[in-house]
Amino acid sequence: MADWPSLKQVRQLLRLQPDTAEDALIDQARLAAIDWCFQRTGQRWDPADAGGLLPDSVYQAATLLAARYYRRRDSLDGTIGWGDLGVIRVGNRDPDVEALLGPYVPMVFG
């Protein structure tokens, strides 16, 4: 993968059609996800650099996280209604995103 996910790519994952109002929210979530990937890994992948190609797993993590952030607006208090089952809590970490970023997260000893 050569670059961070685009607005169009995140929208495709969400299965949404272009919409000016929604696109602004999706793009805000996309930029927040990219920033979080920078913070989590401590690395700055710049596709303009020769060696700065974004690994596929980091691209996928950013795309999934952007979609999660966008959908999170439907559960402002961290819970969602689940029909007859009642209310369930939405976790603050996505295990798939963590697994995808795992090889790039610095190890901490101590």
PDB file of N, CA and C in Angstrom:
ATOM      1  N   MET A   1       0.860  -1.168   0.000  1.00  0.00           N
ATOM      2  CA  MET A   1       0.000   0.000   0.000  1.00  0.00           C
ATOM      3  C   MET A   1       0.903   1.227   0.000  1.00  0.00           C
ATOM      4  N   ALA A   2       0.498   2.241  -0.704  1.00  0.00           N
ATOM      5  CA  ALA A   2       1.367   3.394  -0.855  1.00  0.00           C
ATOM      6  C   ALA A   2       0.937   4.590  -0.026  1.00  0.00           C
ATOM      7  N   ASP A   3      -0.299   4.642   0.411  1.00  0.00           N
ATOM      8  CA  ASP A   3      -0.788   5.844   1.063  1.00  0.00           C
ATOM      9  C   ASP A   3      -1.843   5.489   2.116  1.00  0.00           C
ATOM     10  N   TRP A   4      -2.179   6.457   2.930  1.00  0.00           N
ATOM     11  CA  TRP A   4      -3.230   6.294   3.929  1.00  0.00           C
ATOM     12  C   TRP A   4      -4.581   6.141   3.236  1.00  0.00           C
ATOM     13  N   PRO A   5      -5.573   5.565   3.912  1.00  0.00           N
ATOM     14  CA  PRO A   5      -6.880   5.404   3.276  1.00  0.00           C
ATOM     15  C   PRO A   5      -7.495   6.767   2.931  1.00  0.00           C
ATOM     16  N   SER A   6      -8.167   6.803   1.813  1.00  0.00           N
ATOM     17  CA  SER A   6      -8.840   8.027   1.381  1.00  0.00           C
ATOM     18  C   SER A   6     -10.270   8.043   1.918  1.00  0.00           C
ATOM     19  N   LEU A   7     -10.897   9.181   1.792  1.00  0.00           N
ATOM     20  CA  LEU A   7     -12.303   9.309   2.178  1.00  0.00           C
ATOM     21  C   LEU A   7     -13.153   8.300   1.415  1.00  0.00           C
ATOM     22  N   LYS A   8     -12.900   8.175   0.129  1.00  0.00           N
ATOM     23  CA  LYS A   8     -13.666   7.240  -0.702  1.00  0.00           C
ATOM     24  C   LYS A   8     -13.511   5.803  -0.208  1.00  0.00           C
ATOM     25  N   GLN A   9     -12.310   5.420   0.166  1.00  0.00           N
ATOM     26  CA  GLN A   9     -12.063   4.048   0.621  1.00  0.00           C
ATOM     27  C   GLN A   9     -12.764   3.761   1.946  1.00  0.00           C
ATOM     28  N   VAL A  10     -12.765   4.733   2.857  1.00  0.00           N
ATOM     29  CA  VAL A  10     -13.468   4.538   4.133  1.00  0.00           C
ATOM     30  C   VAL A  10     -14.972   4.477   3.880  1.00  0.00           C
ATOM     31  N   ARG A  11     -15.474   5.355   2.998  1.00  0.00           N
ATOM     32  CA  ARG A  11     -16.898   5.352   2.669  1.00  0.00           C
ATOM     33  C   ARG A  11     -17.308   4.013   2.067  1.00  0.00           C
ATOM     34  N   GLN A  12     -16.443   3.425   1.226  1.00  0.00           N
ATOM     35  CA  GLN A  12     -16.734   2.120   0.640  1.00  0.00           C
ATOM     36  C   GLN A  12     -16.831   1.041   1.716  1.00  0.00           C
ATOM     37  N   LEU A  13     -15.934   1.079   2.692  1.00  0.00           N
ATOM     38  CA  LEU A  13     -15.994   0.110   3.785  1.00  0.00           C
ATOM     39  C   LEU A  13     -17.305   0.243   4.556  1.00  0.00           C
ATOM     40  N   LEU A  14     -17.766   1.474   4.736  1.00  0.00           N
ATOM     41  CA  LEU A  14     -19.018   1.732   5.447  1.00  0.00           C
ATOM     42  C   LEU A  14     -20.251   1.454   4.589  1.00  0.00           C
ATOM     43  N   ARG A  15     -20.033   1.209   3.298  1.00  0.00           N
ATOM     44  CA  ARG A  15     -21.122   0.967   2.335  1.00  0.00           C
ATOM     45  C   ARG A  15     -22.078   2.158   2.264  1.00  0.00           C
ATOM     46  N   LEU A  16     -21.501   3.357   2.170  1.00  0.00           N
ATOM     47  CA  LEU A  16     -22.293   4.580   2.082  1.00  0.00           C
ATOM     48  C   LEU A  16     -22.065   5.259   0.741  1.00  0.00           C
ATOM     49  N   GLN A  17     -23.079   5.961   0.296  1.00  0.00           N
ATOM     50  CA  GLN A  17     -22.995   6.745  -0.926  1.00  0.00           C
ATOM     51  C   GLN A  17     -22.451   8.133  -0.592  1.00  0.00           C
ATOM     52  N   PRO A  18     -21.866   8.826  -1.564  1.00  0.00           N
ATOM     53  CA  PRO A  18     -21.377  10.186  -1.300  1.00  0.00           C
ATOM     54  C   PRO A  18     -22.490  11.100  -0.794  1.00  0.00           C
ATOM     55  N   ASP A  19     -22.187  11.848   0.230  1.00  0.00           N
ATOM     56  CA  ASP A  19     -23.123  12.794   0.838  1.00  0.00           C
ATOM     57  C   ASP A  19     -22.270  13.869   1.496  1.00  0.00           C
ATOM     58  N   THR A  20     -22.492  15.118   1.138  1.00  0.00           N
ATOM     59  CA  THR A  20     -21.631  16.200   1.602  1.00  0.00           C
ATOM     60  C   THR A  20     -21.529  16.255   3.119  1.00  0.00           C
ATOM     61  N   ALA A  21     -22.656  16.181   3.812  1.00  0.00           N
ATOM     62  CA  ALA A  21     -22.644  16.270   5.279  1.00  0.00           C
ATOM     63  C   ALA A  21     -21.956  15.060   5.897  1.00  0.00           C
ATOM     64  N   GLU A  22     -22.284  13.878   5.419  1.00  0.00           N
ATOM     65  CA  GLU A  22     -21.691  12.660   5.967  1.00  0.00           C
ATOM     66  C   GLU A  22     -20.213  12.551   5.607  1.00  0.00           C
ATOM     67  N   ASP A  23     -19.853  12.986   4.406  1.00  0.00           N
ATOM     68  CA  ASP A  23     -18.449  12.928   3.997  1.00  0.00           C
ATOM     69  C   ASP A  23     -17.564  13.750   4.924  1.00  0.00           C
ATOM     70  N   ALA A  24     -18.065  14.873   5.397  1.00  0.00           N
ATOM     71  CA  ALA A  24     -17.282  15.695   6.330  1.00  0.00           C
ATOM     72  C   ALA A  24     -17.043  14.938   7.630  1.00  0.00           C
ATOM     73  N   LEU A  25     -18.052  14.215   8.108  1.00  0.00           N
ATOM     74  CA  LEU A  25     -17.903  13.436   9.344  1.00  0.00           C
ATOM     75  C   LEU A  25     -16.981  12.237   9.140  1.00  0.00           C
ATOM     76  N   ILE A  26     -17.128  11.585   8.000  1.00  0.00           N
ATOM     77  CA  ILE A  26     -16.262  10.442   7.694  1.00  0.00           C
ATOM     78  C   ILE A  26     -14.810  10.896   7.591  1.00  0.00           C
ATOM     79  N   ASP A  27     -14.589  12.037   6.946  1.00  0.00           N
ATOM     80  CA  ASP A  27     -13.217  12.520   6.780  1.00  0.00           C
ATOM     81  C   ASP A  27     -12.610  12.917   8.125  1.00  0.00           C
ATOM     82  N   GLN A  28     -13.421  13.485   8.997  1.00  0.00           N
ATOM     83  CA  GLN A  28     -12.927  13.830  10.338  1.00  0.00           C
ATOM     84  C   GLN A  28     -12.515  12.558  11.078  1.00  0.00           C
ATOM     85  N   ALA A  29     -13.328  11.511  10.979  1.00  0.00           N
ATOM     86  CA  ALA A  29     -12.996  10.227  11.606  1.00  0.00           C
ATOM     87  C   ALA A  29     -11.740   9.626  10.974  1.00  0.00           C
ATOM     88  N   ARG A  30     -11.598   9.756   9.657  1.00  0.00           N
ATOM     89  CA  ARG A  30     -10.435   9.228   8.943  1.00  0.00           C
ATOM     90  C   ARG A  30      -9.146   9.906   9.413  1.00  0.00           C
ATOM     91  N   LEU A  31      -9.184  11.221   9.527  1.00  0.00           N
ATOM     92  CA  LEU A  31      -7.995  11.952   9.971  1.00  0.00           C
ATOM     93  C   LEU A  31      -7.646  11.624  11.423  1.00  0.00           C
ATOM     94  N   ALA A  32      -8.667  11.451  12.257  1.00  0.00           N
ATOM     95  CA  ALA A  32      -8.426  11.070  13.657  1.00  0.00           C
ATOM     96  C   ALA A  32      -7.804   9.676  13.736  1.00  0.00           C
ATOM     97  N   ALA A  33      -8.254   8.767  12.894  1.00  0.00           N
ATOM     98  CA  ALA A  33      -7.711   7.403  12.884  1.00  0.00           C
ATOM     99  C   ALA A  33      -6.248   7.407  12.445  1.00  0.00           C
ATOM    100  N   ILE A  34      -5.931   8.190  11.435  1.00  0.00           N
ATOM    101  CA  ILE A  34      -4.540   8.286  10.968  1.00  0.00           C
ATOM    102  C   ILE A  34      -3.669   8.862  12.074  1.00  0.00           C
ATOM    103  N   ASP A  35      -4.152   9.898  12.730  1.00  0.00           N
ATOM    104  CA  ASP A  35      -3.394  10.500  13.833  1.00  0.00           C
ATOM    105  C   ASP A  35      -3.174   9.491  14.952  1.00  0.00           C
ATOM    106  N   TRP A  36      -4.198   8.705  15.279  1.00  0.00           N
ATOM    107  CA  TRP A  36      -4.072   7.711  16.343  1.00  0.00           C
ATOM    108  C   TRP A  36      -3.043   6.648  15.957  1.00  0.00           C
ATOM    109  N   CYS A  37      -3.013   6.253  14.685  1.00  0.00           N
ATOM    110  CA  CYS A  37      -2.012   5.274  14.237  1.00  0.00           C
ATOM    111  C   CYS A  37      -0.603   5.831  14.401  1.00  0.00           C
ATOM    112  N   PHE A  38      -0.425   7.126  14.110  1.00  0.00           N
ATOM    113  CA  PHE A  38       0.877   7.770  14.338  1.00  0.00           C
ATOM    114  C   PHE A  38       1.236   7.704  15.819  1.00  0.00           C
ATOM    115  N   GLN A  39       0.292   8.070  16.673  1.00  0.00           N
ATOM    116  CA  GLN A  39       0.556   8.097  18.111  1.00  0.00           C
ATOM    117  C   GLN A  39       0.824   6.702  18.660  1.00  0.00           C
ATOM    118  N   ARG A  40       0.036   5.728  18.239  1.00  0.00           N
ATOM    119  CA  ARG A  40       0.147   4.365  18.776  1.00  0.00           C
ATOM    120  C   ARG A  40       1.476   3.712  18.404  1.00  0.00           C
ATOM    121  N   THR A  41       1.910   3.946  17.183  1.00  0.00           N
ATOM    122  CA  THR A  41       3.122   3.283  16.714  1.00  0.00           C
ATOM    123  C   THR A  41       4.375   4.118  16.939  1.00  0.00           C
ATOM    124  N   GLY A  42       4.212   5.414  17.092  1.00  0.00           N
ATOM    125  CA  GLY A  42       5.363   6.285  17.239  1.00  0.00           C
ATOM    126  C   GLY A  42       6.140   6.456  15.943  1.00  0.00           C
ATOM    127  N   GLN A  43       5.528   6.054  14.837  1.00  0.00           N
ATOM    128  CA  GLN A  43       6.191   6.144  13.539  1.00  0.00           C
ATOM    129  C   GLN A  43       5.401   7.065  12.623  1.00  0.00           C
ATOM    130  N   ARG A  44       6.113   7.764  11.772  1.00  0.00           N
ATOM    131  CA  ARG A  44       5.493   8.650  10.783  1.00  0.00           C
ATOM    132  C   ARG A  44       5.785   8.097   9.395  1.00  0.00           C
ATOM    133  N   TRP A  45       4.803   7.414   8.824  1.00  0.00           N
ATOM    134  CA  TRP A  45       4.976   6.917   7.466  1.00  0.00           C
ATOM    135  C   TRP A  45       4.597   8.030   6.510  1.00  0.00           C
ATOM    136  N   ASP A  46       5.541   8.416   5.685  1.00  0.00           N
ATOM    137  CA  ASP A  46       5.293   9.440   4.688  1.00  0.00           C
ATOM    138  C   ASP A  46       5.486   8.797   3.322  1.00  0.00           C
ATOM    139  N   PRO A  47       4.377   8.560   2.611  1.00  0.00           N
ATOM    140  CA  PRO A  47       4.497   7.908   1.306  1.00  0.00           C
ATOM    141  C   PRO A  47       5.378   8.673   0.315  1.00  0.00           C
ATOM    142  N   ALA A  48       5.626   9.951   0.573  1.00  0.00           N
ATOM    143  CA  ALA A  48       6.498  10.724  -0.315  1.00  0.00           C
ATOM    144  C   ALA A  48       7.959  10.284  -0.185  1.00  0.00           C
ATOM    145  N   ASP A  49       8.311   9.715   0.978  1.00  0.00           N
ATOM    146  CA  ASP A  49       9.669   9.200   1.174  1.00  0.00           C
ATOM    147  C   ASP A  49       9.808   7.861   0.453  1.00  0.00           C
ATOM    148  N   ALA A  50      10.982   7.579  -0.011  1.00  0.00           N
ATOM    149  CA  ALA A  50      11.216   6.319  -0.717  1.00  0.00           C
ATOM    150  C   ALA A  50      10.956   5.121   0.194  1.00  0.00           C
ATOM    151  N   GLY A  51      11.384   5.207   1.433  1.00  0.00           N
ATOM    152  CA  GLY A  51      11.201   4.092   2.350  1.00  0.00           C
ATOM    153  C   GLY A  51       9.976   4.238   3.230  1.00  0.00           C
ATOM    154  N   GLY A  52       9.120   5.212   2.931  1.00  0.00           N
ATOM    155  CA  GLY A  52       7.987   5.500   3.796  1.00  0.00           C
ATOM    156  C   GLY A  52       6.696   4.830   3.400  1.00  0.00           C
ATOM    157  N   LEU A  53       6.784   3.725   2.655  1.00  0.00           N
ATOM    158  CA  LEU A  53       5.560   3.054   2.236  1.00  0.00           C
ATOM    159  C   LEU A  53       4.797   2.533   3.444  1.00  0.00           C
ATOM    160  N   LEU A  54       3.534   2.748   3.413  1.00  0.00           N
ATOM    161  CA  LEU A  54       2.662   2.330   4.501  1.00  0.00           C
ATOM    162  C   LEU A  54       2.412   0.829   4.417  1.00  0.00           C
ATOM    163  N   PRO A  55       2.696   0.090   5.474  1.00  0.00           N
ATOM    164  CA  PRO A  55       2.416  -1.351   5.455  1.00  0.00           C
ATOM    165  C   PRO A  55       0.916  -1.612   5.306  1.00  0.00           C
ATOM    166  N   ASP A  56       0.572  -2.702   4.634  1.00  0.00           N
ATOM    167  CA  ASP A  56      -0.834  -3.041   4.410  1.00  0.00           C
ATOM    168  C   ASP A  56      -1.617  -3.165   5.707  1.00  0.00           C
ATOM    169  N   SER A  57      -0.996  -3.724   6.739  1.00  0.00           N
ATOM    170  CA  SER A  57      -1.720  -3.910   7.997  1.00  0.00           C
ATOM    171  C   SER A  57      -2.011  -2.570   8.671  1.00  0.00           C
ATOM    172  N   VAL A  58      -1.136  -1.593   8.534  1.00  0.00           N
ATOM    173  CA  VAL A  58      -1.376  -0.264   9.114  1.00  0.00           C
ATOM    174  C   VAL A  58      -2.463   0.454   8.318  1.00  0.00           C
ATOM    175  N   TYR A  59      -2.445   0.299   7.001  1.00  0.00           N
ATOM    176  CA  TYR A  59      -3.510   0.853   6.158  1.00  0.00           C
ATOM    177  C   TYR A  59      -4.869   0.279   6.587  1.00  0.00           C
ATOM    178  N   GLN A  60      -4.935  -1.043   6.751  1.00  0.00           N
ATOM    179  CA  GLN A  60      -6.189  -1.700   7.139  1.00  0.00           C
ATOM    180  C   GLN A  60      -6.631  -1.249   8.524  1.00  0.00           C
ATOM    181  N   ALA A  61      -5.700  -1.121   9.452  1.00  0.00           N
ATOM    182  CA  ALA A  61      -6.035  -0.664  10.805  1.00  0.00           C
ATOM    183  C   ALA A  61      -6.617   0.744  10.761  1.00  0.00           C
ATOM    184  N   ALA A  62      -6.017   1.633   9.987  1.00  0.00           N
ATOM    185  CA  ALA A  62      -6.519   3.004   9.885  1.00  0.00           C
ATOM    186  C   ALA A  62      -7.902   3.041   9.252  1.00  0.00           C
ATOM    187  N   THR A  63      -8.135   2.206   8.263  1.00  0.00           N
ATOM    188  CA  THR A  63      -9.440   2.157   7.599  1.00  0.00           C
ATOM    189  C   THR A  63     -10.515   1.645   8.561  1.00  0.00           C
ATOM    190  N   LEU A  64     -10.224   0.557   9.255  1.00  0.00           N
ATOM    191  CA  LEU A  64     -11.174   0.003  10.223  1.00  0.00           C
ATOM    192  C   LEU A  64     -11.459   0.985  11.361  1.00  0.00           C
ATOM    193  N   LEU A  65     -10.413   1.624  11.845  1.00  0.00           N
ATOM    194  CA  LEU A  65     -10.570   2.563  12.944  1.00  0.00           C
ATOM    195  C   LEU A  65     -11.381   3.785  12.512  1.00  0.00           C
ATOM    196  N   ALA A  66     -11.169   4.267  11.304  1.00  0.00           N
ATOM    197  CA  ALA A  66     -11.949   5.402  10.799  1.00  0.00           C
ATOM    198  C   ALA A  66     -13.428   5.043  10.727  1.00  0.00           C
ATOM    199  N   ALA A  67     -13.736   3.846  10.243  1.00  0.00           N
ATOM    200  CA  ALA A  67     -15.129   3.398  10.185  1.00  0.00           C
ATOM    201  C   ALA A  67     -15.714   3.265  11.589  1.00  0.00           C
ATOM    202  N   ARG A  68     -14.912   2.768  12.508  1.00  0.00           N
ATOM    203  CA  ARG A  68     -15.370   2.619  13.899  1.00  0.00           C
ATOM    204  C   ARG A  68     -15.651   3.986  14.517  1.00  0.00           C
ATOM    205  N   TYR A  69     -14.753   4.944  14.305  1.00  0.00           N
ATOM    206  CA  TYR A  69     -14.970   6.293  14.839  1.00  0.00           C
ATOM    207  C   TYR A  69     -16.234   6.909  14.258  1.00  0.00           C
ATOM    208  N   TYR A  70     -16.459   6.717  12.971  1.00  0.00           N
ATOM    209  CA  TYR A  70     -17.663   7.264  12.346  1.00  0.00           C
ATOM    210  C   TYR A  70     -18.918   6.642  12.955  1.00  0.00           C
ATOM    211  N   ARG A  71     -18.937   5.337  13.107  1.00  0.00           N
ATOM    212  CA  ARG A  71     -20.110   4.648  13.680  1.00  0.00           C
ATOM    213  C   ARG A  71     -20.273   4.935  15.170  1.00  0.00           C
ATOM    214  N   ARG A  72     -19.198   5.302  15.814  1.00  0.00           N
ATOM    215  CA  ARG A  72     -19.222   5.565  17.262  1.00  0.00           C
ATOM    216  C   ARG A  72     -20.142   6.726  17.608  1.00  0.00           C
ATOM    217  N   ARG A  73     -20.408   7.616  16.663  1.00  0.00           N
ATOM    218  CA  ARG A  73     -21.298   8.747  16.929  1.00  0.00           C
ATOM    219  C   ARG A  73     -22.716   8.287  17.232  1.00  0.00           C
ATOM    220  N   ASP A  74     -23.038   7.042  16.871  1.00  0.00           N
ATOM    221  CA  ASP A  74     -24.353   6.486  17.197  1.00  0.00           C
ATOM    222  C   ASP A  74     -24.421   5.966  18.625  1.00  0.00           C
ATOM    223  N   SER A  75     -23.290   5.986  19.332  1.00  0.00           N
ATOM    224  CA  SER A  75     -23.266   5.497  20.721  1.00  0.00           C
ATOM    225  C   SER A  75     -22.420   6.446  21.565  1.00  0.00           C
ATOM    226  N   LEU A  76     -22.899   7.654  21.726  1.00  0.00           N
ATOM    227  CA  LEU A  76     -22.124   8.687  22.416  1.00  0.00           C
ATOM    228  C   LEU A  76     -21.732   8.314  23.836  1.00  0.00           C
ATOM    229  N   ASP A  77     -22.575   7.545  24.512  1.00  0.00           N
ATOM    230  CA  ASP A  77     -22.256   7.169  25.889  1.00  0.00           C
ATOM    231  C   ASP A  77     -21.562   5.809  25.986  1.00  0.00           C
ATOM    232  N   GLY A  78     -21.210   5.239  24.827  1.00  0.00           N
ATOM    233  CA  GLY A  78     -20.488   3.970  24.832  1.00  0.00           C
ATOM    234  C   GLY A  78     -21.378   2.752  24.877  1.00  0.00           C
ATOM    235  N   THR A  79     -22.682   2.942  24.685  1.00  0.00           N
ATOM    236  CA  THR A  79     -23.611   1.811  24.671  1.00  0.00           C
ATOM    237  C   THR A  79     -24.481   1.887  23.421  1.00  0.00           C
ATOM    238  N   ILE A  80     -24.979   0.728  22.998  1.00  0.00           N
ATOM    239  CA  ILE A  80     -25.932   0.694  21.886  1.00  0.00           C
ATOM    240  C   ILE A  80     -27.071  -0.253  22.242  1.00  0.00           C
ATOM    241  N   GLY A  81     -28.251   0.061  21.729  1.00  0.00           N
ATOM    242  CA  GLY A  81     -29.392  -0.819  21.934  1.00  0.00           C
ATOM    243  C   GLY A  81     -29.266  -2.045  21.042  1.00  0.00           C
ATOM    244  N   TRP A  82     -29.582  -3.201  21.584  1.00  0.00           N
ATOM    245  CA  TRP A  82     -29.446  -4.447  20.853  1.00  0.00           C
ATOM    246  C   TRP A  82     -30.778  -5.191  20.853  1.00  0.00           C
ATOM    247  N   GLY A  83     -31.843  -4.470  20.456  1.00  0.00           N
ATOM    248  CA  GLY A  83     -33.168  -5.072  20.347  1.00  0.00           C
ATOM    249  C   GLY A  83     -33.651  -5.653  21.658  1.00  0.00           C
ATOM    250  N   ASP A  84     -34.147  -6.874  21.603  1.00  0.00           N
ATOM    251  CA  ASP A  84     -34.680  -7.554  22.788  1.00  0.00           C
ATOM    252  C   ASP A  84     -33.605  -7.905  23.806  1.00  0.00           C
ATOM    253  N   LEU A  85     -32.352  -7.867  23.403  1.00  0.00           N
ATOM    254  CA  LEU A  85     -31.273  -8.212  24.314  1.00  0.00           C
ATOM    255  C   LEU A  85     -30.913  -7.067  25.253  1.00  0.00           C
ATOM    256  N   GLY A  86     -31.435  -5.883  24.973  1.00  0.00           N
ATOM    257  CA  GLY A  86     -31.157  -4.738  25.831  1.00  0.00           C
ATOM    258  C   GLY A  86     -30.003  -3.905  25.307  1.00  0.00           C
ATOM    259  N   VAL A  87     -29.262  -3.329  26.234  1.00  0.00           N
ATOM    260  CA  VAL A  87     -28.167  -2.424  25.900  1.00  0.00           C
ATOM    261  C   VAL A  87     -26.847  -3.140  26.109  1.00  0.00           C
ATOM    262  N   ILE A  88     -25.922  -2.944  25.171  1.00  0.00           N
ATOM    263  CA  ILE A  88     -24.586  -3.518  25.328  1.00  0.00           C
ATOM    264  C   ILE A  88     -23.548  -2.405  25.279  1.00  0.00           C
ATOM    265  N   ARG A  89     -22.446  -2.638  25.894  1.00  0.00           N
ATOM    266  CA  ARG A  89     -21.353  -1.658  25.941  1.00  0.00           C
ATOM    267  C   ARG A  89     -20.411  -1.863  24.772  1.00  0.00           C
ATOM    268  N   VAL A  90     -20.031  -0.755  24.155  1.00  0.00           N
ATOM    269  CA  VAL A  90     -19.064  -0.790  23.060  1.00  0.00           C
ATOM    270  C   VAL A  90     -17.674  -0.618  23.667  1.00  0.00           C
ATOM    271  N   GLY A  91     -16.794  -1.566  23.422  1.00  0.00           N
ATOM    272  CA  GLY A  91     -15.443  -1.496  23.976  1.00  0.00           C
ATOM    273  C   GLY A  91     -14.664  -0.311  23.423  1.00  0.00           C
ATOM    274  N   ASN A  92     -13.687   0.142  24.187  1.00  0.00           N
ATOM    275  CA  ASN A  92     -12.908   1.293  23.738  1.00  0.00           C
ATOM    276  C   ASN A  92     -11.729   0.898  22.853  1.00  0.00           C
ATOM    277  N   ARG A  93     -11.442  -0.364  22.723  1.00  0.00           N
ATOM    278  CA  ARG A  93     -10.351  -0.846  21.857  1.00  0.00           C
ATOM    279  C   ARG A  93     -10.902  -1.892  20.902  1.00  0.00           C
ATOM    280  N   ASP A  94     -10.431  -1.845  19.684  1.00  0.00           N
ATOM    281  CA  ASP A  94     -10.810  -2.838  18.687  1.00  0.00           C
ATOM    282  C   ASP A  94      -9.685  -3.861  18.610  1.00  0.00           C
ATOM    283  N   PRO A  95      -9.952  -5.121  18.950  1.00  0.00           N
ATOM    284  CA  PRO A  95      -8.880  -6.119  18.945  1.00  0.00           C
ATOM    285  C   PRO A  95      -8.273  -6.339  17.564  1.00  0.00           C
ATOM    286  N   ASP A  96      -9.054  -6.161  16.493  1.00  0.00           N
ATOM    287  CA  ASP A  96      -8.502  -6.319  15.144  1.00  0.00           C
ATOM    288  C   ASP A  96      -7.504  -5.212  14.836  1.00  0.00           C
ATOM    289  N   VAL A  97      -7.841  -3.987  15.215  1.00  0.00           N
ATOM    290  CA  VAL A  97      -6.928  -2.860  14.993  1.00  0.00           C
ATOM    291  C   VAL A  97      -5.645  -3.064  15.796  1.00  0.00           C
ATOM    292  N   GLU A  98      -5.791  -3.493  17.041  1.00  0.00           N
ATOM    293  CA  GLU A  98      -4.613  -3.738  17.881  1.00  0.00           C
ATOM    294  C   GLU A  98      -3.719  -4.823  17.284  1.00  0.00           C
ATOM    295  N   ALA A  99      -4.333  -5.887  16.763  1.00  0.00           N
ATOM    296  CA  ALA A  99      -3.549  -6.974  16.173  1.00  0.00           C
ATOM    297  C   ALA A  99      -2.829  -6.510  14.905  1.00  0.00           C
ATOM    298  N   LEU A 100      -3.495  -5.687  14.097  1.00  0.00           N
ATOM    299  CA  LEU A 100      -2.878  -5.189  12.864  1.00  0.00           C
ATOM    300  C   LEU A 100      -1.704  -4.254  13.152  1.00  0.00           C
ATOM    301  N   LEU A 101      -1.818  -3.449  14.205  1.00  0.00           N
ATOM    302  CA  LEU A 101      -0.754  -2.507  14.546  1.00  0.00           C
ATOM    303  C   LEU A 101       0.329  -3.126  15.420  1.00  0.00           C
ATOM    304  N   GLY A 102       0.048  -4.264  16.023  1.00  0.00           N
ATOM    305  CA  GLY A 102       0.950  -4.898  16.976  1.00  0.00           C
ATOM    306  C   GLY A 102       2.415  -4.931  16.589  1.00  0.00           C
ATOM    307  N   PRO A 103       2.742  -5.359  15.367  1.00  0.00           N
ATOM    308  CA  PRO A 103       4.157  -5.432  14.999  1.00  0.00           C
ATOM    309  C   PRO A 103       4.862  -4.068  14.930  1.00  0.00           C
ATOM    310  N   TYR A 104       4.109  -2.989  14.919  1.00  0.00           N
ATOM    311  CA  TYR A 104       4.699  -1.658  14.772  1.00  0.00           C
ATOM    312  C   TYR A 104       4.657  -0.830  16.051  1.00  0.00           C
ATOM    313  N   VAL A 105       4.071  -1.394  17.102  1.00  0.00           N
ATOM    314  CA  VAL A 105       3.990  -0.685  18.382  1.00  0.00           C
ATOM    315  C   VAL A 105       5.284  -0.937  19.152  1.00  0.00           C
ATOM    316  N   PRO A 106       5.891   0.130  19.672  1.00  0.00           N
ATOM    317  CA  PRO A 106       7.133  -0.049  20.412  1.00  0.00           C
ATOM    318  C   PRO A 106       6.935  -0.912  21.668  1.00  0.00           C
ATOM    319  N   MET A 107       7.922  -1.757  21.950  1.00  0.00           N
ATOM    320  CA  MET A 107       7.893  -2.571  23.161  1.00  0.00           C
ATOM    321  C   MET A 107       8.334  -1.731  24.351  1.00  0.00           C
ATOM    322  N   VAL A 108       7.665  -1.919  25.463  1.00  0.00           N
ATOM    323  CA  VAL A 108       8.012  -1.185  26.683  1.00  0.00           C
ATOM    324  C   VAL A 108       8.443  -2.212  27.724  1.00  0.00           C
ATOM    325  N   PHE A 109       9.617  -2.022  28.252  1.00  0.00           N
ATOM    326  CA  PHE A 109      10.117  -2.902  29.296  1.00  0.00           C
ATOM    327  C   PHE A 109      10.159  -2.128  30.610  1.00  0.00           C
ATOM    328  N   GLY A 110       9.818  -2.798  31.659  1.00  0.00           N
ATOM    329  CA  GLY A 110       9.982  -2.114  32.922  1.00  0.00           C
ATOM    330  C   GLY A 110       8.973  -2.409  33.857  1.00  0.00           C
TER     331      GLY A 110
END
